[in-house]
N, C-alpha and C. Protein backbone atom coordinates (compact mmCIF):
# COMPACT_ATOMS: atom_id res chain seq x y z
N MET A 1 1.02 13.58 413.18
CA MET A 1 1.32 14.53 414.32
C MET A 1 0.21 14.39 415.33
N ALA A 2 0.51 14.30 416.58
CA ALA A 2 -0.40 14.08 417.69
C ALA A 2 -1.25 15.37 417.86
N GLU A 3 -2.50 15.13 418.26
CA GLU A 3 -3.33 16.28 418.62
C GLU A 3 -2.76 16.95 419.86
N PRO A 4 -2.77 18.30 419.91
CA PRO A 4 -2.35 18.96 421.12
C PRO A 4 -3.29 18.69 422.27
N TRP A 5 -2.67 18.52 423.52
CA TRP A 5 -3.48 18.20 424.63
C TRP A 5 -4.40 19.35 425.04
N LEU A 6 -3.83 20.55 424.94
CA LEU A 6 -4.58 21.72 425.29
C LEU A 6 -4.98 22.58 424.13
N LYS A 7 -6.20 22.51 423.71
CA LYS A 7 -6.72 23.16 422.49
C LYS A 7 -7.66 24.28 422.89
N PRO A 8 -7.58 25.39 422.11
CA PRO A 8 -8.55 26.47 422.33
C PRO A 8 -10.00 26.01 422.34
N VAL A 9 -10.74 26.48 423.41
CA VAL A 9 -12.11 26.03 423.56
C VAL A 9 -12.90 27.13 424.20
N GLU A 10 -14.12 27.21 423.82
CA GLU A 10 -15.07 28.18 424.48
C GLU A 10 -15.77 27.54 425.62
N LEU A 11 -15.79 28.12 426.78
CA LEU A 11 -16.41 27.62 428.01
C LEU A 11 -17.49 28.63 428.41
N GLU A 12 -18.63 28.15 428.86
CA GLU A 12 -19.77 29.01 429.11
C GLU A 12 -20.63 28.45 430.27
N ASN A 13 -21.17 29.30 431.12
CA ASN A 13 -22.20 28.92 432.05
C ASN A 13 -23.20 30.13 432.16
N GLN A 14 -24.02 30.15 433.13
CA GLN A 14 -25.04 31.13 433.29
C GLN A 14 -24.45 32.56 433.48
N TRP A 15 -23.29 32.68 434.03
CA TRP A 15 -22.74 33.92 434.47
C TRP A 15 -21.54 34.42 433.54
N ALA A 16 -20.75 33.51 433.02
CA ALA A 16 -19.57 33.85 432.28
C ALA A 16 -19.41 33.06 430.98
N ARG A 17 -18.73 33.71 430.00
CA ARG A 17 -18.33 33.05 428.81
C ARG A 17 -16.86 33.27 428.64
N LEU A 18 -16.04 32.25 428.47
CA LEU A 18 -14.60 32.35 428.22
C LEU A 18 -14.37 31.99 426.75
N GLU A 19 -13.86 32.99 426.04
CA GLU A 19 -13.57 32.79 424.63
C GLU A 19 -12.04 32.80 424.50
N PRO A 20 -11.53 32.00 423.58
CA PRO A 20 -10.04 32.02 423.28
C PRO A 20 -9.69 33.45 422.93
N LEU A 21 -8.59 33.88 423.53
CA LEU A 21 -8.13 35.32 423.27
C LEU A 21 -7.76 35.47 421.81
N VAL A 22 -8.16 36.59 421.25
CA VAL A 22 -7.70 36.99 419.93
C VAL A 22 -7.48 38.48 419.99
N MET A 23 -6.63 38.97 419.03
CA MET A 23 -6.28 40.43 419.08
C MET A 23 -7.52 41.28 418.88
N GLU A 24 -8.58 40.76 418.23
CA GLU A 24 -9.81 41.55 418.06
C GLU A 24 -10.57 41.85 419.33
N HIS A 25 -10.18 41.26 420.44
CA HIS A 25 -10.76 41.55 421.75
C HIS A 25 -10.13 42.77 422.34
N HIS A 26 -9.16 43.36 421.71
CA HIS A 26 -8.38 44.46 422.30
C HIS A 26 -9.24 45.53 422.81
N ASP A 27 -10.18 46.10 422.03
CA ASP A 27 -10.98 47.27 422.37
C ASP A 27 -11.80 46.98 423.54
N GLY A 28 -12.48 45.86 423.67
CA GLY A 28 -13.27 45.42 424.76
C GLY A 28 -12.45 45.30 426.05
N LEU A 29 -11.23 44.71 425.88
CA LEU A 29 -10.35 44.59 427.00
C LEU A 29 -9.91 45.93 427.49
N LEU A 30 -9.63 46.86 426.58
CA LEU A 30 -9.14 48.15 426.93
C LEU A 30 -10.24 48.91 427.75
N GLU A 31 -11.49 48.74 427.33
CA GLU A 31 -12.62 49.35 428.05
C GLU A 31 -12.70 48.76 429.48
N ALA A 32 -12.51 47.45 429.65
CA ALA A 32 -12.52 46.72 430.95
C ALA A 32 -11.37 47.20 431.77
N LEU A 33 -10.26 47.41 431.18
CA LEU A 33 -8.99 47.81 431.87
C LEU A 33 -9.20 49.20 432.52
N ALA A 34 -9.94 50.05 431.80
CA ALA A 34 -10.03 51.45 432.22
C ALA A 34 -10.89 51.52 433.57
N ASP A 35 -11.65 50.46 433.85
CA ASP A 35 -12.50 50.44 435.03
C ASP A 35 -11.73 49.94 436.18
N GLY A 36 -11.04 50.79 436.95
CA GLY A 36 -10.39 50.37 438.16
C GLY A 36 -8.91 50.63 438.20
N GLU A 37 -8.23 50.84 437.02
CA GLU A 37 -6.82 51.11 436.97
C GLU A 37 -6.02 50.09 437.77
N ALA A 38 -6.30 48.83 437.59
CA ALA A 38 -5.58 47.73 438.32
C ALA A 38 -4.10 47.70 438.02
N TRP A 39 -3.71 48.23 436.94
CA TRP A 39 -2.27 48.26 436.56
C TRP A 39 -1.45 49.09 437.54
N LYS A 40 -2.05 49.91 438.36
CA LYS A 40 -1.41 50.70 439.39
C LYS A 40 -1.10 49.97 440.63
N LEU A 41 -1.67 48.75 440.85
CA LEU A 41 -1.40 47.93 442.08
C LEU A 41 0.07 47.49 442.10
N TRP A 42 0.79 47.64 443.13
CA TRP A 42 2.21 47.29 443.16
C TRP A 42 2.43 45.75 443.33
N TYR A 43 1.47 45.02 443.87
CA TYR A 43 1.68 43.66 444.20
C TYR A 43 1.17 42.64 443.14
N THR A 44 0.70 43.16 442.06
CA THR A 44 0.26 42.28 441.02
C THR A 44 0.56 42.89 439.61
N TRP A 45 0.56 42.14 438.59
CA TRP A 45 0.87 42.68 437.29
C TRP A 45 -0.39 42.60 436.41
N VAL A 46 -0.90 43.75 436.02
CA VAL A 46 -2.00 43.89 435.09
C VAL A 46 -1.49 44.85 433.96
N PRO A 47 -1.70 44.60 432.76
CA PRO A 47 -1.14 45.51 431.68
C PRO A 47 -1.80 46.86 431.79
N SER A 48 -1.04 47.92 431.57
CA SER A 48 -1.57 49.24 431.45
C SER A 48 -2.19 49.34 430.03
N PRO A 49 -2.99 50.35 429.79
CA PRO A 49 -3.62 50.49 428.48
C PRO A 49 -2.66 50.46 427.31
N ASP A 50 -1.46 51.12 427.52
CA ASP A 50 -0.51 51.20 426.43
C ASP A 50 0.29 49.87 426.24
N GLN A 51 0.16 48.97 427.28
CA GLN A 51 0.84 47.66 427.22
C GLN A 51 -0.11 46.53 426.68
N LEU A 52 -1.40 46.91 426.54
CA LEU A 52 -2.39 45.84 426.35
C LEU A 52 -2.17 45.02 425.07
N ARG A 53 -1.92 45.74 423.97
CA ARG A 53 -1.72 45.06 422.70
C ARG A 53 -0.55 44.12 422.76
N SER A 54 0.58 44.56 423.30
CA SER A 54 1.75 43.66 423.41
C SER A 54 1.50 42.54 424.36
N GLU A 55 0.67 42.77 425.40
CA GLU A 55 0.37 41.66 426.35
C GLU A 55 -0.54 40.59 425.65
N ILE A 56 -1.44 40.99 424.88
CA ILE A 56 -2.27 40.04 424.06
C ILE A 56 -1.36 39.27 423.17
N ALA A 57 -0.40 39.93 422.46
CA ALA A 57 0.52 39.24 421.57
C ALA A 57 1.37 38.25 422.37
N ARG A 58 1.87 38.67 423.59
CA ARG A 58 2.70 37.82 424.37
C ARG A 58 1.93 36.54 424.80
N ARG A 59 0.75 36.71 425.21
CA ARG A 59 -0.11 35.54 425.62
C ARG A 59 -0.42 34.67 424.41
N LEU A 60 -0.59 35.21 423.26
CA LEU A 60 -0.80 34.39 422.07
C LEU A 60 0.45 33.63 421.61
N GLU A 61 1.63 34.27 421.87
CA GLU A 61 2.94 33.53 421.56
C GLU A 61 3.05 32.34 422.51
N HIS A 62 2.75 32.51 423.73
CA HIS A 62 2.75 31.39 424.69
C HIS A 62 1.78 30.30 424.21
N GLN A 63 0.68 30.71 423.73
CA GLN A 63 -0.31 29.69 423.18
C GLN A 63 0.27 28.92 422.02
N GLN A 64 0.95 29.63 421.16
CA GLN A 64 1.53 29.02 419.95
C GLN A 64 2.57 27.91 420.36
N ARG A 65 3.20 28.15 421.48
CA ARG A 65 4.29 27.20 422.04
C ARG A 65 3.60 26.13 422.94
N GLU A 66 2.25 26.18 423.01
CA GLU A 66 1.49 25.25 423.85
C GLU A 66 1.85 25.28 425.33
N GLU A 67 2.24 26.48 425.78
CA GLU A 67 2.56 26.80 427.19
C GLU A 67 1.40 27.43 427.92
N TRP A 68 0.55 28.08 427.26
CA TRP A 68 -0.58 28.76 427.82
C TRP A 68 -1.83 28.58 426.94
N LEU A 69 -2.98 28.74 427.60
CA LEU A 69 -4.23 28.87 426.85
C LEU A 69 -4.97 30.06 427.41
N PRO A 70 -4.84 31.22 426.74
CA PRO A 70 -5.42 32.51 427.27
C PRO A 70 -6.91 32.66 426.77
N PHE A 71 -7.61 33.25 427.66
CA PHE A 71 -9.08 33.47 427.45
C PHE A 71 -9.42 35.00 427.66
N THR A 72 -10.40 35.47 426.95
CA THR A 72 -11.08 36.71 427.32
C THR A 72 -12.34 36.34 428.01
N VAL A 73 -12.56 37.01 429.11
CA VAL A 73 -13.77 36.80 429.97
C VAL A 73 -14.84 37.73 429.55
N PHE A 74 -16.02 37.18 429.31
CA PHE A 74 -17.19 37.94 429.01
C PHE A 74 -18.20 37.75 430.07
N ASP A 75 -18.91 38.87 430.52
CA ASP A 75 -20.00 38.84 431.48
C ASP A 75 -21.23 38.43 430.67
N ARG A 76 -21.90 37.30 430.98
CA ARG A 76 -23.02 36.86 430.18
C ARG A 76 -24.26 37.79 430.26
N ALA A 77 -24.46 38.44 431.40
CA ALA A 77 -25.63 39.36 431.59
C ALA A 77 -25.54 40.50 430.66
N SER A 78 -24.36 41.15 430.51
CA SER A 78 -24.24 42.39 429.71
C SER A 78 -23.68 42.09 428.37
N GLY A 79 -22.97 40.96 428.19
CA GLY A 79 -22.28 40.69 426.94
C GLY A 79 -20.95 41.34 426.84
N LYS A 80 -20.60 42.14 427.89
CA LYS A 80 -19.34 42.95 427.82
C LYS A 80 -18.11 42.11 428.26
N VAL A 81 -16.98 42.53 427.70
CA VAL A 81 -15.71 42.00 428.14
C VAL A 81 -15.46 42.42 429.59
N ALA A 82 -15.04 41.40 430.44
CA ALA A 82 -14.88 41.68 431.87
C ALA A 82 -13.40 41.58 432.19
N GLY A 83 -12.59 40.89 431.45
CA GLY A 83 -11.21 40.80 431.78
C GLY A 83 -10.50 39.59 431.06
N MET A 84 -9.45 39.07 431.66
CA MET A 84 -8.65 38.08 431.00
C MET A 84 -8.33 36.99 432.09
N THR A 85 -8.11 35.76 431.56
CA THR A 85 -7.57 34.67 432.43
C THR A 85 -6.80 33.67 431.56
N ASN A 86 -6.10 32.72 432.11
CA ASN A 86 -5.36 31.73 431.40
C ASN A 86 -5.24 30.45 432.12
N PHE A 87 -5.02 29.37 431.33
CA PHE A 87 -4.31 28.22 431.74
C PHE A 87 -2.87 28.51 431.40
N MET A 88 -1.89 28.38 432.31
CA MET A 88 -0.55 28.80 432.05
C MET A 88 0.40 27.80 432.69
N HIS A 89 1.66 27.94 432.35
CA HIS A 89 2.64 26.97 432.83
C HIS A 89 2.14 25.55 432.70
N VAL A 90 1.77 25.27 431.48
CA VAL A 90 1.16 23.98 431.11
C VAL A 90 2.22 22.92 431.06
N ASP A 91 1.96 21.83 431.74
CA ASP A 91 2.82 20.66 431.71
C ASP A 91 2.07 19.50 431.03
N THR A 92 2.32 19.38 429.73
CA THR A 92 1.56 18.44 428.84
C THR A 92 2.01 16.97 429.24
N VAL A 93 3.18 16.78 429.73
CA VAL A 93 3.63 15.41 430.06
C VAL A 93 2.89 14.87 431.25
N HIS A 94 2.89 15.68 432.34
CA HIS A 94 2.21 15.24 433.59
C HIS A 94 0.80 15.67 433.73
N LYS A 95 0.36 16.52 432.85
CA LYS A 95 -1.03 17.05 432.80
C LYS A 95 -1.34 17.85 434.04
N ARG A 96 -0.65 18.91 434.13
CA ARG A 96 -0.81 19.97 435.21
C ARG A 96 -0.97 21.30 434.49
N VAL A 97 -1.78 22.19 435.07
CA VAL A 97 -1.89 23.54 434.58
C VAL A 97 -1.94 24.48 435.84
N GLU A 98 -1.69 25.72 435.56
CA GLU A 98 -1.92 26.81 436.58
C GLU A 98 -3.00 27.69 435.95
N ILE A 99 -3.94 28.15 436.78
CA ILE A 99 -4.88 29.18 436.44
C ILE A 99 -4.30 30.44 436.93
N GLY A 100 -4.08 31.48 436.06
CA GLY A 100 -3.49 32.65 436.47
C GLY A 100 -3.46 33.73 435.41
N GLY A 101 -2.75 34.87 435.68
CA GLY A 101 -2.69 35.98 434.77
C GLY A 101 -4.13 36.56 434.62
N THR A 102 -4.89 36.47 435.72
CA THR A 102 -6.29 36.88 435.74
C THR A 102 -6.44 38.30 436.24
N TRP A 103 -7.29 39.13 435.50
CA TRP A 103 -7.66 40.38 436.04
C TRP A 103 -9.13 40.64 435.50
N TYR A 104 -9.82 41.47 436.28
CA TYR A 104 -11.19 41.80 435.93
C TYR A 104 -11.36 43.38 436.06
N ALA A 105 -12.29 43.91 435.29
CA ALA A 105 -12.71 45.28 435.53
C ALA A 105 -13.26 45.40 436.94
N ASN A 106 -13.04 46.56 437.50
CA ASN A 106 -13.40 46.76 438.91
C ASN A 106 -14.84 46.44 439.20
N ARG A 107 -15.74 46.64 438.27
CA ARG A 107 -17.18 46.41 438.57
C ARG A 107 -17.49 44.91 438.68
N TYR A 108 -16.60 44.11 438.26
CA TYR A 108 -16.85 42.63 438.39
C TYR A 108 -16.14 41.96 439.57
N GLN A 109 -15.30 42.75 440.25
CA GLN A 109 -14.59 42.17 441.40
C GLN A 109 -15.59 42.03 442.60
N ARG A 110 -15.39 40.86 443.30
CA ARG A 110 -16.24 40.50 444.44
C ARG A 110 -17.75 40.23 443.94
N THR A 111 -17.85 39.81 442.72
CA THR A 111 -19.17 39.38 442.12
C THR A 111 -19.03 37.90 441.88
N ARG A 112 -20.05 37.28 441.36
CA ARG A 112 -20.10 35.86 441.05
C ARG A 112 -19.14 35.53 439.89
N LEU A 113 -18.73 36.49 439.09
CA LEU A 113 -17.95 36.27 437.86
C LEU A 113 -16.74 35.41 438.01
N ASN A 114 -15.87 35.81 439.03
CA ASN A 114 -14.66 35.08 439.23
C ASN A 114 -14.97 33.61 439.65
N THR A 115 -15.94 33.41 440.54
CA THR A 115 -16.36 32.04 440.96
C THR A 115 -16.85 31.28 439.68
N ALA A 116 -17.65 31.92 438.88
CA ALA A 116 -18.16 31.28 437.61
C ALA A 116 -17.05 30.88 436.66
N CYS A 117 -16.04 31.72 436.54
CA CYS A 117 -14.89 31.46 435.64
C CYS A 117 -14.03 30.25 436.27
N LYS A 118 -13.81 30.31 437.53
CA LYS A 118 -13.03 29.16 438.11
C LYS A 118 -13.76 27.87 438.01
N HIS A 119 -15.12 27.95 438.16
CA HIS A 119 -15.94 26.71 437.94
C HIS A 119 -15.76 26.11 436.62
N LEU A 120 -15.75 27.03 435.59
CA LEU A 120 -15.56 26.62 434.18
C LEU A 120 -14.17 26.04 434.00
N LEU A 121 -13.12 26.76 434.43
CA LEU A 121 -11.73 26.33 434.19
C LEU A 121 -11.39 25.09 434.95
N LEU A 122 -11.76 24.98 436.17
CA LEU A 122 -11.51 23.77 436.95
C LEU A 122 -12.26 22.58 436.43
N GLY A 123 -13.49 22.75 436.01
CA GLY A 123 -14.28 21.65 435.46
C GLY A 123 -13.65 21.19 434.16
N HIS A 124 -13.11 22.08 433.33
CA HIS A 124 -12.55 21.67 432.05
C HIS A 124 -11.21 20.93 432.40
N ALA A 125 -10.42 21.49 433.40
CA ALA A 125 -9.16 20.89 433.73
C ALA A 125 -9.25 19.38 434.22
N PHE A 126 -10.24 19.24 435.13
CA PHE A 126 -10.36 17.94 435.79
C PHE A 126 -11.31 16.98 434.96
N GLU A 127 -12.35 17.47 434.30
CA GLU A 127 -13.28 16.60 433.62
C GLU A 127 -12.99 16.34 432.17
N GLN A 128 -12.30 17.29 431.46
CA GLN A 128 -11.98 17.03 430.08
C GLN A 128 -10.47 16.77 429.92
N LEU A 129 -9.61 17.54 430.64
CA LEU A 129 -8.16 17.37 430.43
C LEU A 129 -7.49 16.32 431.35
N ASP A 130 -8.25 15.85 432.34
CA ASP A 130 -7.74 14.81 433.27
C ASP A 130 -6.47 15.28 433.93
N CYS A 131 -6.47 16.51 434.44
CA CYS A 131 -5.32 17.02 435.10
C CYS A 131 -5.04 16.33 436.48
N ILE A 132 -3.76 16.14 436.80
CA ILE A 132 -3.38 15.59 438.11
C ILE A 132 -3.37 16.62 439.18
N ALA A 133 -3.31 17.97 438.79
CA ALA A 133 -3.41 19.02 439.73
C ALA A 133 -3.58 20.34 438.94
N VAL A 134 -4.26 21.26 439.64
CA VAL A 134 -4.37 22.63 439.11
C VAL A 134 -3.81 23.56 440.13
N GLU A 135 -2.86 24.48 439.73
CA GLU A 135 -2.25 25.43 440.64
C GLU A 135 -2.84 26.82 440.49
N LEU A 136 -2.80 27.55 441.59
CA LEU A 136 -3.13 28.94 441.57
C LEU A 136 -2.08 29.66 442.36
N ARG A 137 -1.53 30.74 441.91
CA ARG A 137 -0.46 31.44 442.58
C ARG A 137 -0.76 32.86 442.69
N THR A 138 -0.27 33.52 443.78
CA THR A 138 -0.48 34.98 443.95
C THR A 138 0.66 35.45 444.88
N HIS A 139 0.82 36.80 444.87
CA HIS A 139 1.73 37.49 445.71
C HIS A 139 1.28 37.38 447.18
N PHE A 140 2.28 37.21 448.05
CA PHE A 140 1.98 37.10 449.48
C PHE A 140 1.09 38.24 449.96
N PHE A 141 1.36 39.46 449.44
CA PHE A 141 0.59 40.63 449.86
C PHE A 141 -0.70 40.84 449.20
N ASN A 142 -1.03 40.04 448.15
CA ASN A 142 -2.36 40.15 447.51
C ASN A 142 -3.37 39.42 448.33
N ARG A 143 -3.77 40.01 449.41
CA ARG A 143 -4.71 39.34 450.35
C ARG A 143 -6.11 39.07 449.74
N GLN A 144 -6.53 39.98 448.85
CA GLN A 144 -7.84 39.74 448.24
C GLN A 144 -7.77 38.50 447.36
N SER A 145 -6.74 38.33 446.60
CA SER A 145 -6.52 37.17 445.77
C SER A 145 -6.40 35.91 446.60
N ARG A 146 -5.62 36.00 447.67
CA ARG A 146 -5.43 34.85 448.51
C ARG A 146 -6.75 34.37 449.15
N ALA A 147 -7.54 35.33 449.62
CA ALA A 147 -8.83 35.03 450.22
C ALA A 147 -9.76 34.39 449.16
N ALA A 148 -9.67 34.90 447.94
CA ALA A 148 -10.58 34.35 446.81
C ALA A 148 -10.15 32.92 446.52
N ILE A 149 -8.80 32.64 446.42
CA ILE A 149 -8.35 31.30 446.16
C ILE A 149 -8.70 30.31 447.20
N GLU A 150 -8.53 30.76 448.48
CA GLU A 150 -8.92 29.87 449.60
C GLU A 150 -10.42 29.62 449.65
N ARG A 151 -11.18 30.59 449.31
CA ARG A 151 -12.66 30.45 449.28
C ARG A 151 -13.08 29.40 448.26
N LEU A 152 -12.30 29.27 447.15
CA LEU A 152 -12.52 28.21 446.17
C LEU A 152 -12.37 26.83 446.73
N GLY A 153 -11.50 26.68 447.72
CA GLY A 153 -11.23 25.36 448.29
C GLY A 153 -9.81 24.90 447.99
N ALA A 154 -9.02 25.71 447.38
CA ALA A 154 -7.60 25.39 447.10
C ALA A 154 -6.83 25.31 448.38
N LYS A 155 -5.83 24.38 448.52
CA LYS A 155 -4.97 24.28 449.61
C LYS A 155 -3.63 24.87 449.37
N LEU A 156 -3.05 25.58 450.42
CA LEU A 156 -1.77 26.18 450.30
C LEU A 156 -0.68 25.13 450.30
N ASP A 157 0.05 25.04 449.21
CA ASP A 157 1.22 24.16 449.15
C ASP A 157 2.41 24.73 449.86
N GLY A 158 2.60 26.05 449.80
CA GLY A 158 3.67 26.68 450.44
C GLY A 158 3.94 28.05 449.87
N VAL A 159 5.00 28.68 450.32
CA VAL A 159 5.36 30.02 449.90
C VAL A 159 6.73 29.99 449.27
N LEU A 160 6.83 30.39 448.03
CA LEU A 160 8.18 30.42 447.31
C LEU A 160 8.74 31.81 447.69
N ARG A 161 9.73 31.88 448.63
CA ARG A 161 10.24 33.07 449.06
C ARG A 161 11.29 33.69 448.10
N ASN A 162 11.23 34.99 447.94
CA ASN A 162 12.12 35.66 446.95
C ASN A 162 12.00 34.98 445.56
N HIS A 163 10.75 34.67 445.18
CA HIS A 163 10.46 33.93 443.94
C HIS A 163 10.76 34.69 442.68
N SER A 164 10.46 36.02 442.71
CA SER A 164 10.66 36.87 441.57
C SER A 164 10.69 38.28 441.98
N ARG A 165 11.01 39.16 441.00
CA ARG A 165 11.01 40.59 441.28
C ARG A 165 9.71 41.25 440.76
N SER A 166 9.14 42.09 441.59
CA SER A 166 7.99 42.89 441.16
C SER A 166 8.44 44.02 440.24
N ARG A 167 7.52 44.70 439.61
CA ARG A 167 7.81 45.78 438.70
C ARG A 167 8.61 46.90 439.39
N ASP A 168 8.30 47.18 440.72
CA ASP A 168 9.07 48.16 441.39
C ASP A 168 10.37 47.74 441.94
N GLY A 169 10.74 46.51 441.62
CA GLY A 169 12.06 46.02 442.08
C GLY A 169 12.03 45.23 443.42
N THR A 170 10.91 45.30 444.15
CA THR A 170 10.87 44.54 445.39
C THR A 170 10.78 43.02 445.12
N LEU A 171 11.25 42.22 446.01
CA LEU A 171 11.24 40.81 445.83
C LEU A 171 9.85 40.25 446.20
N ARG A 172 9.34 39.28 445.40
CA ARG A 172 7.98 38.78 445.61
C ARG A 172 8.08 37.40 446.26
N ASP A 173 7.31 37.23 447.35
CA ASP A 173 7.10 35.86 447.85
C ASP A 173 5.78 35.38 447.23
N THR A 174 5.85 34.23 446.61
CA THR A 174 4.65 33.71 445.82
C THR A 174 4.00 32.63 446.63
N CYS A 175 2.65 32.76 446.91
CA CYS A 175 1.91 31.73 447.64
C CYS A 175 1.40 30.76 446.52
N VAL A 176 1.70 29.50 446.70
CA VAL A 176 1.32 28.47 445.69
C VAL A 176 0.20 27.61 446.32
N TYR A 177 -0.92 27.57 445.68
CA TYR A 177 -2.09 26.75 446.11
C TYR A 177 -2.34 25.69 444.99
N SER A 178 -3.08 24.60 445.34
CA SER A 178 -3.40 23.66 444.34
C SER A 178 -4.71 22.97 444.74
N ILE A 179 -5.36 22.45 443.70
CA ILE A 179 -6.51 21.56 443.89
C ILE A 179 -6.19 20.23 443.18
N LEU A 180 -6.48 19.04 443.86
CA LEU A 180 -6.25 17.79 443.26
C LEU A 180 -7.50 17.13 442.76
N PRO A 181 -7.41 16.16 441.91
CA PRO A 181 -8.64 15.50 441.36
C PRO A 181 -9.56 15.00 442.47
N SER A 182 -8.98 14.45 443.51
CA SER A 182 -9.79 13.87 444.61
C SER A 182 -10.54 14.93 445.37
N GLU A 183 -10.04 16.16 445.33
CA GLU A 183 -10.71 17.26 445.93
C GLU A 183 -11.73 18.02 445.05
N TRP A 184 -11.74 17.74 443.79
CA TRP A 184 -12.57 18.44 442.83
C TRP A 184 -13.99 18.28 443.13
N PRO A 185 -14.59 17.02 443.49
CA PRO A 185 -16.01 16.99 443.74
C PRO A 185 -16.45 17.91 444.90
N ALA A 186 -15.73 18.01 445.96
CA ALA A 186 -16.07 18.89 447.09
C ALA A 186 -15.91 20.36 446.70
N VAL A 187 -14.82 20.68 445.92
CA VAL A 187 -14.62 22.04 445.42
C VAL A 187 -15.77 22.43 444.49
N LYS A 188 -16.13 21.51 443.60
CA LYS A 188 -17.19 21.81 442.66
C LYS A 188 -18.54 22.04 443.38
N SER A 189 -18.85 21.26 444.39
CA SER A 189 -20.07 21.43 445.17
C SER A 189 -20.00 22.81 445.87
N ASN A 190 -18.86 23.22 446.39
CA ASN A 190 -18.69 24.41 447.02
C ASN A 190 -18.93 25.61 446.05
N LEU A 191 -18.37 25.49 444.89
CA LEU A 191 -18.51 26.61 443.86
C LEU A 191 -19.98 26.71 443.40
N GLU A 192 -20.61 25.57 443.27
CA GLU A 192 -21.99 25.62 442.86
C GLU A 192 -22.95 26.22 443.95
N TYR A 193 -22.49 25.88 445.21
CA TYR A 193 -23.20 26.53 446.37
C TYR A 193 -23.03 28.04 446.34
N LEU A 194 -21.78 28.53 446.11
CA LEU A 194 -21.52 29.93 446.18
C LEU A 194 -22.22 30.62 444.97
N LEU A 195 -22.26 29.97 443.84
CA LEU A 195 -22.93 30.58 442.61
C LEU A 195 -24.47 30.60 442.81
N GLY A 196 -25.00 29.68 443.63
CA GLY A 196 -26.42 29.62 443.77
C GLY A 196 -26.96 30.50 444.87
N ARG A 197 -26.09 31.08 445.72
CA ARG A 197 -26.53 31.93 446.81
C ARG A 197 -27.20 33.16 446.33
């Protein structure tokens, strides 16, 4: 039997540690989730405290099917759980992944942590997995997320109009961004510059 292309791996730098998600991370994630109540935002989906256990199970089911690789994000300075992120919508044939399903405790938003996590994930995708592209997607109205994605150096591929339904029933336009292997050296330099400031 062939080795899976996408295997659980721990990734770490000066600011962040990404550990493969396990159910034992529940309590730390619950504490992170309580900081900011992000599940109340209408334009994104973050699990509420009572949905967290089933959301961890759902992500782990996707991992079993080799469709996702979910991570728990730890802040290196405090050692505390900061949130969750994933490689998702994995295409093992063409070697493409999407980075998504990401959320952080409020105290980590607009800090180096997200930049540090993207540096780790993109580095792994391009330097170890040899991806032909990495996608990032967000709601058209999630301006904070769009600005963060653009700050990384990702290019807007387009907008998928009426792509899906939000929790409140409204139709979601999804902005699709990507980074290509040829762009990775410049994106990497930019991320390292941002992290070093």
